[in-house]
Amino acid sequence: MSDNALALHIGAFIKHHRMESNKTQDALARDAGISRSTLSLLERGETVTLATLIQVLRVLDQLNVMEGFTVKQTISPLALAKIEKKKRKRASGVTNEVENTSNW
């Protein structure tokens, strides 16, 4: 998708959820702390700030879409190999003489 197509897609998403919430542009803009014209720009796919988008998503209770941006921690194969190398492979079989005599 082009940048413009993505912006239009996001705008349609916002407008859909605003209408589903039965909110006017004025009411949603007031609740989000932005102007109605800024909300109108967002719904038309025009350029707005990321902070504006987050504020509107929060008011619409749609912040769950941000879960797609979650970064999962992964371990590289080399780091995993180093960790595995440090693990014990077998028991030494050596017992502590002091512990054995203290039990008597």
N, C-alpha and C. Protein backbone atom coordinates (compact mmCIF):
# COMPACT_ATOMS: atom_id res chain seq x y z
N MET A 1 0.84 -1.19 0.00
CA MET A 1 0.00 0.00 0.00
C MET A 1 0.88 1.25 0.00
N SER A 2 0.42 2.24 -0.69
CA SER A 2 1.15 3.51 -0.69
C SER A 2 0.86 4.25 0.62
N ASP A 3 1.65 5.28 0.89
CA ASP A 3 1.45 6.08 2.11
C ASP A 3 0.06 6.70 2.11
N ASN A 4 -0.36 7.21 0.96
CA ASN A 4 -1.67 7.84 0.87
C ASN A 4 -2.79 6.83 1.11
N ALA A 5 -2.63 5.63 0.56
CA ALA A 5 -3.64 4.59 0.76
C ALA A 5 -3.71 4.18 2.23
N LEU A 6 -2.59 4.09 2.89
CA LEU A 6 -2.58 3.76 4.31
C LEU A 6 -3.27 4.83 5.14
N ALA A 7 -2.99 6.09 4.82
CA ALA A 7 -3.61 7.21 5.55
C ALA A 7 -5.13 7.18 5.35
N LEU A 8 -5.58 6.89 4.14
CA LEU A 8 -7.02 6.79 3.88
C LEU A 8 -7.63 5.61 4.64
N HIS A 9 -6.90 4.52 4.72
CA HIS A 9 -7.35 3.32 5.45
C HIS A 9 -7.51 3.63 6.94
N ILE A 10 -6.53 4.32 7.50
CA ILE A 10 -6.60 4.70 8.92
C ILE A 10 -7.76 5.65 9.15
N GLY A 11 -7.93 6.62 8.24
CA GLY A 11 -9.04 7.56 8.37
C GLY A 11 -10.39 6.87 8.34
N ALA A 12 -10.54 5.89 7.45
CA ALA A 12 -11.79 5.14 7.37
C ALA A 12 -12.02 4.34 8.65
N PHE A 13 -10.95 3.79 9.22
CA PHE A 13 -11.03 3.05 10.48
C PHE A 13 -11.54 3.96 11.60
N ILE A 14 -10.96 5.15 11.70
CA ILE A 14 -11.36 6.11 12.75
C ILE A 14 -12.82 6.51 12.56
N LYS A 15 -13.19 6.84 11.33
CA LYS A 15 -14.57 7.27 11.07
C LYS A 15 -15.55 6.15 11.39
N HIS A 16 -15.24 4.92 10.99
CA HIS A 16 -16.11 3.78 11.27
C HIS A 16 -16.35 3.63 12.76
N HIS A 17 -15.27 3.66 13.55
CA HIS A 17 -15.41 3.45 14.99
C HIS A 17 -16.05 4.65 15.68
N ARG A 18 -15.88 5.84 15.13
CA ARG A 18 -16.58 7.02 15.67
C ARG A 18 -18.07 6.85 15.46
N MET A 19 -18.47 6.43 14.26
CA MET A 19 -19.88 6.25 13.96
C MET A 19 -20.47 5.10 14.80
N GLU A 20 -19.70 4.02 14.99
CA GLU A 20 -20.15 2.91 15.82
C GLU A 20 -20.36 3.34 17.27
N SER A 21 -19.54 4.30 17.71
CA SER A 21 -19.67 4.82 19.07
C SER A 21 -20.76 5.89 19.17
N ASN A 22 -21.38 6.20 18.03
CA ASN A 22 -22.44 7.20 17.96
C ASN A 22 -21.96 8.56 18.48
N LYS A 23 -20.77 8.96 18.05
CA LYS A 23 -20.20 10.25 18.46
C LYS A 23 -20.10 11.16 17.25
N THR A 24 -20.35 12.40 17.48
CA THR A 24 -20.13 13.40 16.43
C THR A 24 -18.65 13.73 16.40
N GLN A 25 -18.22 14.37 15.31
CA GLN A 25 -16.83 14.81 15.25
C GLN A 25 -16.53 15.78 16.38
N ASP A 26 -17.46 16.67 16.67
CA ASP A 26 -17.26 17.64 17.76
C ASP A 26 -17.04 16.94 19.10
N ALA A 27 -17.89 15.94 19.39
CA ALA A 27 -17.80 15.24 20.68
C ALA A 27 -16.49 14.46 20.79
N LEU A 28 -16.14 13.73 19.73
CA LEU A 28 -14.90 12.95 19.76
C LEU A 28 -13.68 13.86 19.87
N ALA A 29 -13.69 14.94 19.10
CA ALA A 29 -12.56 15.88 19.15
C ALA A 29 -12.41 16.48 20.54
N ARG A 30 -13.52 16.85 21.15
CA ARG A 30 -13.47 17.43 22.50
C ARG A 30 -12.93 16.41 23.50
N ASP A 31 -13.42 15.17 23.42
CA ASP A 31 -12.96 14.12 24.35
C ASP A 31 -11.48 13.80 24.14
N ALA A 32 -11.01 13.91 22.91
CA ALA A 32 -9.60 13.60 22.60
C ALA A 32 -8.69 14.80 22.83
N GLY A 33 -9.27 15.96 23.05
CA GLY A 33 -8.45 17.15 23.29
C GLY A 33 -7.84 17.72 22.02
N ILE A 34 -8.54 17.55 20.89
CA ILE A 34 -8.06 18.09 19.61
C ILE A 34 -9.19 18.91 19.00
N SER A 35 -8.87 19.62 17.95
CA SER A 35 -9.91 20.40 17.27
C SER A 35 -10.71 19.51 16.32
N ARG A 36 -11.93 19.95 16.01
CA ARG A 36 -12.76 19.19 15.09
C ARG A 36 -12.14 19.13 13.71
N SER A 37 -11.47 20.21 13.31
CA SER A 37 -10.84 20.22 11.98
C SER A 37 -9.68 19.22 11.91
N THR A 38 -8.97 19.03 13.01
CA THR A 38 -7.89 18.04 13.04
C THR A 38 -8.46 16.64 12.91
N LEU A 39 -9.57 16.38 13.59
CA LEU A 39 -10.22 15.08 13.47
C LEU A 39 -10.71 14.87 12.05
N SER A 40 -11.25 15.91 11.45
CA SER A 40 -11.71 15.82 10.07
C SER A 40 -10.55 15.49 9.13
N LEU A 41 -9.40 16.11 9.36
CA LEU A 41 -8.21 15.79 8.56
C LEU A 41 -7.83 14.33 8.70
N LEU A 42 -7.85 13.84 9.93
CA LEU A 42 -7.51 12.44 10.19
C LEU A 42 -8.45 11.50 9.46
N GLU A 43 -9.74 11.77 9.54
CA GLU A 43 -10.72 10.90 8.88
C GLU A 43 -10.62 10.95 7.36
N ARG A 44 -10.12 12.05 6.81
CA ARG A 44 -9.96 12.17 5.36
C ARG A 44 -8.62 11.64 4.88
N GLY A 45 -7.78 11.17 5.81
CA GLY A 45 -6.50 10.60 5.41
C GLY A 45 -5.41 11.63 5.21
N GLU A 46 -5.60 12.80 5.78
CA GLU A 46 -4.59 13.85 5.69
C GLU A 46 -3.54 13.64 6.79
N THR A 47 -2.49 14.43 6.73
CA THR A 47 -1.39 14.30 7.69
C THR A 47 -1.77 14.88 9.05
N VAL A 48 -1.62 14.05 10.08
CA VAL A 48 -1.77 14.48 11.47
C VAL A 48 -0.63 13.85 12.27
N THR A 49 -0.46 14.29 13.49
CA THR A 49 0.63 13.74 14.30
C THR A 49 0.27 12.38 14.87
N LEU A 50 1.28 11.65 15.23
CA LEU A 50 1.08 10.35 15.86
C LEU A 50 0.36 10.52 17.20
N ALA A 51 0.70 11.58 17.93
CA ALA A 51 0.05 11.84 19.22
C ALA A 51 -1.45 12.03 19.03
N THR A 52 -1.85 12.71 17.96
CA THR A 52 -3.27 12.91 17.68
C THR A 52 -3.95 11.57 17.43
N LEU A 53 -3.34 10.73 16.62
CA LEU A 53 -3.91 9.42 16.34
C LEU A 53 -4.08 8.61 17.62
N ILE A 54 -3.07 8.63 18.49
CA ILE A 54 -3.14 7.87 19.75
C ILE A 54 -4.26 8.41 20.64
N GLN A 55 -4.41 9.73 20.72
CA GLN A 55 -5.47 10.32 21.53
C GLN A 55 -6.84 9.87 21.04
N VAL A 56 -7.04 9.88 19.73
CA VAL A 56 -8.32 9.48 19.17
C VAL A 56 -8.57 7.99 19.39
N LEU A 57 -7.56 7.17 19.18
CA LEU A 57 -7.71 5.73 19.41
C LEU A 57 -8.06 5.46 20.88
N ARG A 58 -7.46 6.20 21.79
CA ARG A 58 -7.73 6.00 23.22
C ARG A 58 -9.20 6.30 23.53
N VAL A 59 -9.70 7.42 23.02
CA VAL A 59 -11.09 7.80 23.28
C VAL A 59 -12.06 6.78 22.65
N LEU A 60 -11.70 6.25 21.49
CA LEU A 60 -12.55 5.26 20.83
C LEU A 60 -12.37 3.86 21.41
N ASP A 61 -11.51 3.72 22.41
CA ASP A 61 -11.19 2.44 23.03
C ASP A 61 -10.68 1.44 21.99
N GLN A 62 -9.77 1.93 21.13
CA GLN A 62 -9.21 1.11 20.06
C GLN A 62 -7.68 1.03 20.15
N LEU A 63 -7.11 1.27 21.33
CA LEU A 63 -5.65 1.18 21.47
C LEU A 63 -5.13 -0.24 21.25
N ASN A 64 -6.02 -1.21 21.25
CA ASN A 64 -5.59 -2.59 21.01
C ASN A 64 -4.94 -2.76 19.63
N VAL A 65 -5.20 -1.87 18.69
CA VAL A 65 -4.56 -1.97 17.37
C VAL A 65 -3.06 -1.74 17.48
N MET A 66 -2.62 -1.12 18.55
CA MET A 66 -1.20 -0.86 18.74
C MET A 66 -0.44 -2.14 19.10
N GLU A 67 -1.15 -3.21 19.46
CA GLU A 67 -0.49 -4.46 19.81
C GLU A 67 0.28 -5.05 18.63
N GLY A 68 -0.08 -4.63 17.44
CA GLY A 68 0.63 -5.08 16.25
C GLY A 68 2.06 -4.57 16.20
N PHE A 69 2.37 -3.57 17.01
CA PHE A 69 3.70 -2.98 17.04
C PHE A 69 4.56 -3.56 18.16
N THR A 70 4.08 -4.59 18.84
CA THR A 70 4.82 -5.20 19.93
C THR A 70 6.07 -5.90 19.39
N VAL A 71 7.18 -5.65 20.05
CA VAL A 71 8.45 -6.27 19.67
C VAL A 71 8.70 -7.43 20.63
N LYS A 72 8.84 -8.61 20.07
CA LYS A 72 9.10 -9.79 20.89
C LYS A 72 10.61 -9.99 21.01
N GLN A 73 11.06 -10.24 22.22
CA GLN A 73 12.47 -10.48 22.44
C GLN A 73 12.83 -11.85 21.88
N THR A 74 13.83 -11.86 21.06
CA THR A 74 14.32 -13.12 20.53
C THR A 74 15.80 -13.24 20.85
N ILE A 75 16.28 -14.44 20.87
CA ILE A 75 17.68 -14.67 21.16
C ILE A 75 18.33 -15.21 19.88
N SER A 76 19.47 -14.69 19.58
CA SER A 76 20.15 -15.13 18.36
C SER A 76 20.68 -16.55 18.54
N PRO A 77 20.85 -17.27 17.46
CA PRO A 77 21.37 -18.64 17.57
C PRO A 77 22.76 -18.68 18.21
N LEU A 78 23.59 -17.66 17.97
CA LEU A 78 24.93 -17.65 18.59
C LEU A 78 24.83 -17.46 20.09
N ALA A 79 23.96 -16.55 20.54
CA ALA A 79 23.79 -16.33 21.98
C ALA A 79 23.23 -17.58 22.64
N LEU A 80 22.30 -18.25 21.98
CA LEU A 80 21.74 -19.48 22.52
C LEU A 80 22.81 -20.56 22.64
N ALA A 81 23.68 -20.66 21.65
CA ALA A 81 24.76 -21.64 21.69
C ALA A 81 25.71 -21.36 22.85
N LYS A 82 26.01 -20.09 23.12
CA LYS A 82 26.88 -19.73 24.23
C LYS A 82 26.25 -20.10 25.57
N ILE A 83 24.95 -19.88 25.69
CA ILE A 83 24.25 -20.23 26.93
C ILE A 83 24.26 -21.74 27.13
N GLU A 84 24.00 -22.47 26.08
CA GLU A 84 24.00 -23.93 26.16
C GLU A 84 25.38 -24.48 26.51
N LYS A 85 26.42 -23.83 26.01
CA LYS A 85 27.79 -24.28 26.28
C LYS A 85 28.14 -24.14 27.75
N LYS A 86 27.58 -23.12 28.41
CA LYS A 86 27.88 -22.88 29.82
C LYS A 86 27.12 -23.80 30.77
N LYS A 87 26.06 -24.43 30.29
CA LYS A 87 25.28 -25.33 31.13
C LYS A 87 26.08 -26.58 31.47
N ARG A 88 25.81 -27.14 32.64
CA ARG A 88 26.47 -28.38 33.04
C ARG A 88 25.97 -29.51 32.18
N LYS A 89 26.90 -30.36 31.79
CA LYS A 89 26.56 -31.50 30.94
C LYS A 89 26.35 -32.77 31.77
N ARG A 90 27.08 -32.88 32.90
CA ARG A 90 26.97 -34.06 33.75
C ARG A 90 27.37 -33.69 35.17
N ALA A 91 26.99 -34.54 36.09
CA ALA A 91 27.34 -34.34 37.50
C ALA A 91 28.78 -34.76 37.73
N SER A 92 29.45 -34.10 38.68
CA SER A 92 30.85 -34.40 38.92
C SER A 92 31.03 -35.65 39.78
N GLY A 93 30.04 -35.98 40.59
CA GLY A 93 30.13 -37.18 41.41
C GLY A 93 30.94 -36.98 42.68
N VAL A 94 31.52 -35.83 42.90
CA VAL A 94 32.31 -35.55 44.09
C VAL A 94 31.37 -35.09 45.19
N THR A 95 31.51 -35.70 46.38
CA THR A 95 30.68 -35.30 47.52
C THR A 95 31.54 -34.58 48.52
N ASN A 96 30.92 -33.82 49.35
CA ASN A 96 31.62 -33.06 50.37
C ASN A 96 31.74 -33.92 51.62
N GLU A 97 32.97 -34.23 52.05
CA GLU A 97 33.22 -35.10 53.21
C GLU A 97 32.65 -34.51 54.49
N VAL A 98 32.69 -33.20 54.66
CA VAL A 98 32.22 -32.57 55.88
C VAL A 98 30.71 -32.79 56.03
N GLU A 99 29.95 -32.67 54.94
CA GLU A 99 28.50 -32.87 55.00
C GLU A 99 28.18 -34.31 55.38
N ASN A 100 28.93 -35.30 54.87
CA ASN A 100 28.66 -36.70 55.15
C ASN A 100 28.89 -37.04 56.62
N THR A 101 29.92 -36.49 57.26
CA THR A 101 30.21 -36.81 58.65
C THR A 101 29.30 -36.06 59.61
N SER A 102 28.77 -34.93 59.20
CA SER A 102 27.91 -34.16 60.10
C SER A 102 26.55 -34.82 60.31
N ASN A 103 26.15 -35.69 59.39
CA ASN A 103 24.86 -36.37 59.50
C ASN A 103 24.92 -37.51 60.53
N TRP A 104 26.10 -37.95 60.98
CA TRP A 104 26.23 -39.10 61.90
C TRP A 104 26.06 -38.67 63.28
